[in-house]
PDB file of N, CA and C in Angstrom:
ATOM      1  N   THR A   1     129.003 127.428 -60.470  1.00  0.00           N
ATOM      2  CA  THR A   1     127.598 127.309 -59.753  1.00  0.00           C
ATOM      3  C   THR A   1     127.970 127.142 -58.474  1.00  0.00           C
ATOM      4  N   ARG A   2     127.492 127.292 -57.546  1.00  0.00           N
ATOM      5  CA  ARG A   2     127.768 127.879 -56.316  1.00  0.00           C
ATOM      6  C   ARG A   2     127.209 126.486 -55.561  1.00  0.00           C
ATOM      7  N   GLY A   3     126.473 125.318 -55.707  1.00  0.00           N
ATOM      8  CA  GLY A   3     126.139 124.344 -54.623  1.00  0.00           C
ATOM      9  C   GLY A   3     124.639 124.210 -54.243  1.00  0.00           C
ATOM     10  N   GLY A   4     124.368 123.433 -53.695  1.00  0.00           N
ATOM     11  CA  GLY A   4     123.117 122.836 -52.294  1.00  0.00           C
ATOM     12  C   GLY A   4     123.693 121.956 -52.149  1.00  0.00           C
ATOM     13  N   ILE A   5     121.652 121.489 -51.928  1.00  0.00           N
ATOM     14  CA  ILE A   5     121.862 120.302 -51.618  1.00  0.00           C
ATOM     15  C   ILE A   5     120.457 120.200 -50.753  1.00  0.00           C
ATOM     16  N   PHE A   6     119.848 119.634 -51.837  1.00  0.00           N
ATOM     17  CA  PHE A   6     118.249 119.129 -51.325  1.00  0.00           C
ATOM     18  C   PHE A   6     117.594 117.435 -50.275  1.00  0.00           C
ATOM     19  N   MET A   7     117.354 117.931 -49.453  1.00  0.00           N
ATOM     20  CA  MET A   7     117.569 116.386 -48.559  1.00  0.00           C
ATOM     21  C   MET A   7     116.773 115.620 -47.736  1.00  0.00           C
ATOM     22  N   TYR A   8     116.695 114.476 -47.864  1.00  0.00           N
ATOM     23  CA  TYR A   8     114.566 114.273 -47.706  1.00  0.00           C
ATOM     24  C   TYR A   8     115.510 112.265 -46.728  1.00  0.00           C
ATOM     25  N   PRO A   9     115.731 112.543 -46.104  1.00  0.00           N
ATOM     26  CA  PRO A   9     117.146 111.214 -45.272  1.00  0.00           C
ATOM     27  C   PRO A   9     115.054 109.585 -45.073  1.00  0.00           C
ATOM     28  N   VAL A  10     116.283 109.352 -44.480  1.00  0.00           N
ATOM     29  CA  VAL A  10     114.726 108.577 -43.507  1.00  0.00           C
ATOM     30  C   VAL A  10     114.575 108.617 -42.329  1.00  0.00           C
ATOM     31  N   ASP A  11     114.106 109.126 -41.487  1.00  0.00           N
ATOM     32  CA  ASP A  11     114.158 109.649 -40.262  1.00  0.00           C
ATOM     33  C   ASP A  11     113.229 108.278 -39.432  1.00  0.00           C
ATOM     34  N   ALA A  12     112.652 108.271 -37.928  1.00  0.00           N
ATOM     35  CA  ALA A  12     112.090 107.651 -37.757  1.00  0.00           C
ATOM     36  C   ALA A  12     110.361 107.689 -37.795  1.00  0.00           C
ATOM     37  N   LYS A  13     109.841 108.888 -38.720  1.00  0.00           N
ATOM     38  CA  LYS A  13     108.155 108.823 -38.850  1.00  0.00           C
ATOM     39  C   LYS A  13     108.171 107.888 -40.275  1.00  0.00           C
ATOM     40  N   CYS A  14     109.630 107.801 -40.725  1.00  0.00           N
ATOM     41  CA  CYS A  14     109.042 106.908 -42.407  1.00  0.00           C
ATOM     42  C   CYS A  14     109.755 105.779 -42.714  1.00  0.00           C
ATOM     43  N   ARG A  15     110.800 105.389 -41.421  1.00  0.00           N
ATOM     44  CA  ARG A  15     111.367 104.422 -41.586  1.00  0.00           C
ATOM     45  C   ARG A  15     111.055 102.820 -41.966  1.00  0.00           C
ATOM     46  N   ASP A  16     110.124 102.936 -41.659  1.00  0.00           N
ATOM     47  CA  ASP A  16     108.833 101.414 -41.927  1.00  0.00           C
ATOM     48  C   ASP A  16     108.684 101.750 -43.855  1.00  0.00           C
ATOM     49  N   LYS A  17     108.306 103.079 -44.425  1.00  0.00           N
ATOM     50  CA  LYS A  17     108.360 103.197 -45.528  1.00  0.00           C
ATOM     51  C   LYS A  17     109.482 102.806 -46.459  1.00  0.00           C
ATOM     52  N   GLY A  18     110.745 103.173 -45.981  1.00  0.00           N
ATOM     53  CA  GLY A  18     112.207 103.683 -46.645  1.00  0.00           C
ATOM     54  C   GLY A  18     112.057 104.810 -47.029  1.00  0.00           C
ATOM     55  N   GLY A  19     111.435 105.791 -47.075  1.00  0.00           N
ATOM     56  CA  GLY A  19     111.400 107.012 -47.148  1.00  0.00           C
ATOM     57  C   GLY A  19     110.676 108.197 -46.718  1.00  0.00           C
ATOM     58  N   ARG A  20     110.478 109.093 -47.619  1.00  0.00           N
ATOM     59  CA  ARG A  20     109.190 110.336 -47.679  1.00  0.00           C
ATOM     60  C   ARG A  20     108.603 110.270 -48.943  1.00  0.00           C
ATOM     61  N   LEU A  21     109.815 110.252 -50.146  1.00  0.00           N
ATOM     62  CA  LEU A  21     109.580 110.296 -52.080  1.00  0.00           C
ATOM     63  C   LEU A  21     109.300 109.286 -52.090  1.00  0.00           C
ATOM     64  N   ARG A  22     108.651 109.704 -53.800  1.00  0.00           N
ATOM     65  CA  ARG A  22     108.136 108.112 -54.467  1.00  0.00           C
ATOM     66  C   ARG A  22     109.063 107.859 -55.660  1.00  0.00           C
ATOM     67  N   LEU A  23     109.572 107.019 -55.302  1.00  0.00           N
ATOM     68  CA  LEU A  23     110.664 106.310 -56.487  1.00  0.00           C
ATOM     69  C   LEU A  23     109.804 106.902 -57.726  1.00  0.00           C
ATOM     70  N   LEU A  24     108.655 106.719 -58.180  1.00  0.00           N
ATOM     71  CA  LEU A  24     108.832 106.961 -59.216  1.00  0.00           C
ATOM     72  C   LEU A  24     107.460 108.290 -59.158  1.00  0.00           C
ATOM     73  N   TYR A  25     107.844 108.683 -58.905  1.00  0.00           N
ATOM     74  CA  TYR A  25     106.550 109.698 -59.429  1.00  0.00           C
ATOM     75  C   TYR A  25     107.599 110.901 -58.868  1.00  0.00           C
ATOM     76  N   GLU A  26     108.448 110.861 -57.692  1.00  0.00           N
ATOM     77  CA  GLU A  26     108.899 112.073 -56.980  1.00  0.00           C
ATOM     78  C   GLU A  26     110.549 112.027 -57.272  1.00  0.00           C
ATOM     79  N   ALA A  27     111.093 111.423 -56.950  1.00  0.00           N
ATOM     80  CA  ALA A  27     112.960 111.204 -56.815  1.00  0.00           C
ATOM     81  C   ALA A  27     112.695 110.978 -58.361  1.00  0.00           C
ATOM     82  N   ASN A  28     112.557 109.896 -58.844  1.00  0.00           N
ATOM     83  CA  ASN A  28     113.200 109.649 -60.614  1.00  0.00           C
ATOM     84  C   ASN A  28     113.238 111.109 -61.631  1.00  0.00           C
ATOM     85  N   PRO A  29     112.067 111.482 -61.457  1.00  0.00           N
ATOM     86  CA  PRO A  29     111.890 112.799 -61.975  1.00  0.00           C
ATOM     87  C   PRO A  29     112.788 113.715 -61.841  1.00  0.00           C
ATOM     88  N   MET A  30     113.246 114.063 -60.344  1.00  0.00           N
ATOM     89  CA  MET A  30     114.064 115.283 -60.256  1.00  0.00           C
ATOM     90  C   MET A  30     114.844 114.717 -60.504  1.00  0.00           C
ATOM     91  N   SER A  31     115.159 113.192 -59.962  1.00  0.00           N
ATOM     92  CA  SER A  31     117.088 113.098 -59.947  1.00  0.00           C
ATOM     93  C   SER A  31     117.784 113.280 -61.635  1.00  0.00           C
ATOM     94  N   MET A  32     116.162 112.766 -62.853  1.00  0.00           N
ATOM     95  CA  MET A  32     117.046 113.328 -63.829  1.00  0.00           C
ATOM     96  C   MET A  32     117.586 114.303 -63.949  1.00  0.00           C
ATOM     97  N   ILE A  33     117.086 115.610 -64.159  1.00  0.00           N
ATOM     98  CA  ILE A  33     117.371 116.962 -64.145  1.00  0.00           C
ATOM     99  C   ILE A  33     118.437 117.655 -63.356  1.00  0.00           C
ATOM    100  N   VAL A  34     118.722 117.347 -62.060  1.00  0.00           N
ATOM    101  CA  VAL A  34     119.988 117.213 -61.483  1.00  0.00           C
ATOM    102  C   VAL A  34     121.102 116.599 -61.980  1.00  0.00           C
ATOM    103  N   GLU A  35     121.150 115.431 -62.228  1.00  0.00           N
ATOM    104  CA  GLU A  35     121.997 114.888 -63.174  1.00  0.00           C
ATOM    105  C   GLU A  35     121.888 115.546 -64.682  1.00  0.00           C
ATOM    106  N   GLN A  36     121.460 115.865 -64.980  1.00  0.00           N
ATOM    107  CA  GLN A  36     121.491 116.350 -66.232  1.00  0.00           C
ATOM    108  C   GLN A  36     121.949 117.710 -66.336  1.00  0.00           C
ATOM    109  N   ALA A  37     122.048 118.505 -65.647  1.00  0.00           N
ATOM    110  CA  ALA A  37     122.220 119.771 -65.108  1.00  0.00           C
ATOM    111  C   ALA A  37     123.892 119.626 -63.989  1.00  0.00           C
ATOM    112  N   GLY A  38     124.249 118.426 -63.711  1.00  0.00           N
ATOM    113  CA  GLY A  38     125.712 118.137 -63.502  1.00  0.00           C
ATOM    114  C   GLY A  38     125.711 117.435 -62.372  1.00  0.00           C
ATOM    115  N   GLY A  39     124.623 117.877 -61.469  1.00  0.00           N
ATOM    116  CA  GLY A  39     124.577 117.611 -59.896  1.00  0.00           C
ATOM    117  C   GLY A  39     125.023 115.786 -59.783  1.00  0.00           C
ATOM    118  N   ALA A  40     124.004 115.321 -58.667  1.00  0.00           N
ATOM    119  CA  ALA A  40     124.282 113.899 -57.768  1.00  0.00           C
ATOM    120  C   ALA A  40     122.684 114.349 -57.271  1.00  0.00           C
ATOM    121  N   ALA A  41     122.252 112.936 -57.493  1.00  0.00           N
ATOM    122  CA  ALA A  41     121.315 112.473 -56.757  1.00  0.00           C
ATOM    123  C   ALA A  41     121.529 110.975 -56.570  1.00  0.00           C
ATOM    124  N   SER A  42     120.810 110.569 -54.786  1.00  0.00           N
ATOM    125  CA  SER A  42     121.768 109.193 -54.345  1.00  0.00           C
ATOM    126  C   SER A  42     120.101 108.965 -53.116  1.00  0.00           C
ATOM    127  N   THR A  43     120.565 107.887 -53.087  1.00  0.00           N
ATOM    128  CA  THR A  43     119.406 107.539 -51.392  1.00  0.00           C
ATOM    129  C   THR A  43     120.468 107.223 -50.101  1.00  0.00           C
ATOM    130  N   GLY A  44     121.724 108.258 -50.546  1.00  0.00           N
ATOM    131  CA  GLY A  44     122.180 107.474 -49.554  1.00  0.00           C
ATOM    132  C   GLY A  44     123.471 106.427 -49.647  1.00  0.00           C
ATOM    133  N   ARG A  45     122.794 105.385 -50.472  1.00  0.00           N
ATOM    134  CA  ARG A  45     123.645 104.389 -50.557  1.00  0.00           C
ATOM    135  C   ARG A  45     124.278 103.701 -51.674  1.00  0.00           C
ATOM    136  N   GLN A  46     122.938 104.620 -53.038  1.00  0.00           N
ATOM    137  CA  GLN A  46     123.652 104.278 -53.829  1.00  0.00           C
ATOM    138  C   GLN A  46     122.836 105.230 -54.835  1.00  0.00           C
ATOM    139  N   ARG A  47     122.979 105.536 -56.441  1.00  0.00           N
ATOM    140  CA  ARG A  47     122.471 106.463 -57.209  1.00  0.00           C
ATOM    141  C   ARG A  47     120.725 106.015 -57.619  1.00  0.00           C
ATOM    142  N   ILE A  48     120.220 107.220 -57.216  1.00  0.00           N
ATOM    143  CA  ILE A  48     118.518 106.780 -57.536  1.00  0.00           C
ATOM    144  C   ILE A  48     118.393 106.887 -58.686  1.00  0.00           C
ATOM    145  N   LEU A  49     118.732 106.605 -59.843  1.00  0.00           N
ATOM    146  CA  LEU A  49     118.593 106.513 -61.127  1.00  0.00           C
ATOM    147  C   LEU A  49     118.569 104.913 -61.522  1.00  0.00           C
ATOM    148  N   ASP A  50     119.452 104.066 -59.968  1.00  0.00           N
ATOM    149  CA  ASP A  50     119.910 102.112 -60.942  1.00  0.00           C
ATOM    150  C   ASP A  50     119.291 102.114 -59.293  1.00  0.00           C
ATOM    151  N   VAL A  51     118.164 102.202 -59.057  1.00  0.00           N
ATOM    152  CA  VAL A  51     117.431 101.629 -57.393  1.00  0.00           C
ATOM    153  C   VAL A  51     116.070 101.347 -58.919  1.00  0.00           C
ATOM    154  N   GLN A  52     116.430  99.814 -59.053  1.00  0.00           N
ATOM    155  CA  GLN A  52     115.041  98.620 -58.755  1.00  0.00           C
ATOM    156  C   GLN A  52     113.163  99.436 -58.364  1.00  0.00           C
ATOM    157  N   PRO A  53     112.431  99.411 -59.122  1.00  0.00           N
ATOM    158  CA  PRO A  53     111.069  99.326 -57.731  1.00  0.00           C
ATOM    159  C   PRO A  53     111.010  97.835 -58.059  1.00  0.00           C
ATOM    160  N   THR A  54     110.538  98.169 -56.582  1.00  0.00           N
ATOM    161  CA  THR A  54     110.162  96.740 -56.064  1.00  0.00           C
ATOM    162  C   THR A  54     108.157  96.934 -56.062  1.00  0.00           C
ATOM    163  N   HIS A  55     107.974  98.251 -55.730  1.00  0.00           N
ATOM    164  CA  HIS A  55     106.220  98.553 -56.371  1.00  0.00           C
ATOM    165  C   HIS A  55     105.987  99.246 -56.800  1.00  0.00           C
ATOM    166  N   LEU A  56     104.483  99.837 -56.976  1.00  0.00           N
ATOM    167  CA  LEU A  56     104.824 101.075 -57.472  1.00  0.00           C
ATOM    168  C   LEU A  56     104.794 102.459 -56.616  1.00  0.00           C
ATOM    169  N   HIS A  57     103.622 102.677 -55.436  1.00  0.00           N
ATOM    170  CA  HIS A  57     104.404 103.737 -54.697  1.00  0.00           C
ATOM    171  C   HIS A  57     105.485 103.334 -53.779  1.00  0.00           C
ATOM    172  N   GLN A  58     106.398 102.836 -54.143  1.00  0.00           N
ATOM    173  CA  GLN A  58     108.112 102.621 -53.508  1.00  0.00           C
ATOM    174  C   GLN A  58     108.230 103.969 -52.982  1.00  0.00           C
ATOM    175  N   ARG A  59     109.050 104.283 -51.483  1.00  0.00           N
ATOM    176  CA  ARG A  59     108.834 105.346 -51.530  1.00  0.00           C
ATOM    177  C   ARG A  59     110.707 104.960 -51.148  1.00  0.00           C
ATOM    178  N   ILE A  60     112.043 105.894 -51.342  1.00  0.00           N
ATOM    179  CA  ILE A  60     113.080 106.262 -50.188  1.00  0.00           C
ATOM    180  C   ILE A  60     113.641 107.612 -50.624  1.00  0.00           C
ATOM    181  N   ALA A  61     114.805 107.021 -49.793  1.00  0.00           N
ATOM    182  CA  ALA A  61     115.270 108.196 -49.085  1.00  0.00           C
ATOM    183  C   ALA A  61     116.049 108.877 -50.227  1.00  0.00           C
ATOM    184  N   VAL A  62     116.275 110.562 -50.299  1.00  0.00           N
ATOM    185  CA  VAL A  62     116.498 111.638 -51.679  1.00  0.00           C
ATOM    186  C   VAL A  62     117.414 112.437 -50.866  1.00  0.00           C
ATOM    187  N   PHE A  63     118.701 111.956 -51.543  1.00  0.00           N
ATOM    188  CA  PHE A  63     119.753 113.566 -51.366  1.00  0.00           C
ATOM    189  C   PHE A  63     120.104 114.363 -52.263  1.00  0.00           C
ATOM    190  N   LEU A  64     119.579 115.499 -53.369  1.00  0.00           N
ATOM    191  CA  LEU A  64     119.471 115.619 -54.139  1.00  0.00           C
ATOM    192  C   LEU A  64     120.510 117.563 -54.883  1.00  0.00           C
ATOM    193  N   GLY A  65     121.410 117.359 -55.247  1.00  0.00           N
ATOM    194  CA  GLY A  65     122.268 118.413 -54.828  1.00  0.00           C
ATOM    195  C   GLY A  65     123.706 118.479 -56.265  1.00  0.00           C
ATOM    196  N   SER A  66     124.605 119.438 -55.831  1.00  0.00           N
ATOM    197  CA  SER A  66     125.714 119.453 -57.064  1.00  0.00           C
ATOM    198  C   SER A  66     126.491 117.657 -55.980  1.00  0.00           C
ATOM    199  N   LYS A  67     127.248 117.647 -56.810  1.00  0.00           N
ATOM    200  CA  LYS A  67     127.798 116.442 -56.609  1.00  0.00           C
ATOM    201  C   LYS A  67     129.086 116.185 -55.781  1.00  0.00           C
ATOM    202  N   ASN A  68     130.056 117.480 -55.229  1.00  0.00           N
ATOM    203  CA  ASN A  68     130.352 117.563 -54.152  1.00  0.00           C
ATOM    204  C   ASN A  68     129.742 117.253 -52.443  1.00  0.00           C
ATOM    205  N   GLU A  69     128.575 117.456 -52.627  1.00  0.00           N
ATOM    206  CA  GLU A  69     127.763 118.660 -51.400  1.00  0.00           C
ATOM    207  C   GLU A  69     127.229 116.550 -51.014  1.00  0.00           C
ATOM    208  N   VAL A  70     126.793 115.979 -52.432  1.00  0.00           N
ATOM    209  CA  VAL A  70     125.442 114.740 -52.186  1.00  0.00           C
ATOM    210  C   VAL A  70     126.911 113.625 -51.607  1.00  0.00           C
ATOM    211  N   GLU A  71     128.072 114.472 -51.767  1.00  0.00           N
ATOM    212  CA  GLU A  71     128.697 112.565 -51.695  1.00  0.00           C
ATOM    213  C   GLU A  71     129.088 112.979 -50.547  1.00  0.00           C
ATOM    214  N   ARG A  72     129.176 114.550 -49.452  1.00  0.00           N
ATOM    215  CA  ARG A  72     129.735 114.101 -48.398  1.00  0.00           C
ATOM    216  C   ARG A  72     128.553 114.203 -47.204  1.00  0.00           C
ATOM    217  N   ALA A  73     127.939 113.894 -48.375  1.00  0.00           N
ATOM    218  CA  ALA A  73     126.098 113.878 -46.605  1.00  0.00           C
ATOM    219  C   ALA A  73     126.038 112.968 -47.248  1.00  0.00           C
ATOM    220  N   ALA A  74     125.637 111.636 -48.499  1.00  0.00           N
ATOM    221  CA  ALA A  74     126.209 110.239 -48.489  1.00  0.00           C
ATOM    222  C   ALA A  74     127.244 109.706 -47.325  1.00  0.00           C
ATOM    223  N   ALA A  75     128.586 110.447 -47.524  1.00  0.00           N
ATOM    224  CA  ALA A  75     129.291 109.205 -46.862  1.00  0.00           C
ATOM    225  C   ALA A  75     128.819 109.671 -45.007  1.00  0.00           C
ATOM    226  N   TYR A  76     128.289 110.911 -44.813  1.00  0.00           N
ATOM    227  CA  TYR A  76     128.143 111.120 -43.592  1.00  0.00           C
ATOM    228  C   TYR A  76     126.600 110.257 -43.273  1.00  0.00           C
ATOM    229  N   HIS A  77     126.066 110.171 -43.838  1.00  0.00           N
ATOM    230  CA  HIS A  77     124.301 109.347 -43.726  1.00  0.00           C
ATOM    231  C   HIS A  77     125.149 107.776 -43.610  1.00  0.00           C
ATOM    232  N   ALA A  78     126.015 107.241 -44.192  1.00  0.00           N
ATOM    233  CA  ALA A  78     126.559 105.759 -44.519  1.00  0.00           C
ATOM    234  C   ALA A  78     127.337 105.187 -43.329  1.00  0.00           C
ATOM    235  N   GLU A  79     128.241 106.414 -42.431  1.00  0.00           N
ATOM    236  CA  GLU A  79     128.563 106.972 -41.327  1.00  0.00           C
ATOM    237  C   GLU A  79     127.004 106.612 -39.923  1.00  0.00           C
ATOM    238  N   GLY A  80     126.440 106.724 -40.029  1.00  0.00           N
ATOM    239  CA  GLY A  80     125.349 107.002 -38.184  1.00  0.00           C
ATOM    240  C   GLY A  80     124.064 105.978 -38.835  1.00  0.00           C
TER     241      GLY A  80
END
């Protein structure tokens, strides 16, 4: 495998919403597929599948891809 990453981090436009992708309809399904394929899925702070929803249309930051790429992006995200 060659790796790669898909990211939707929190930015100034979506900071008040918590992210761009909806947890239950977009982030969780993609996270399940990526993790079953041997990759990783993170919010930049925790594993997406460990996030407990607080409301139906909750939005979160998303980092999906190969484990080493997601870990590196999460480390950069946590620093800054």
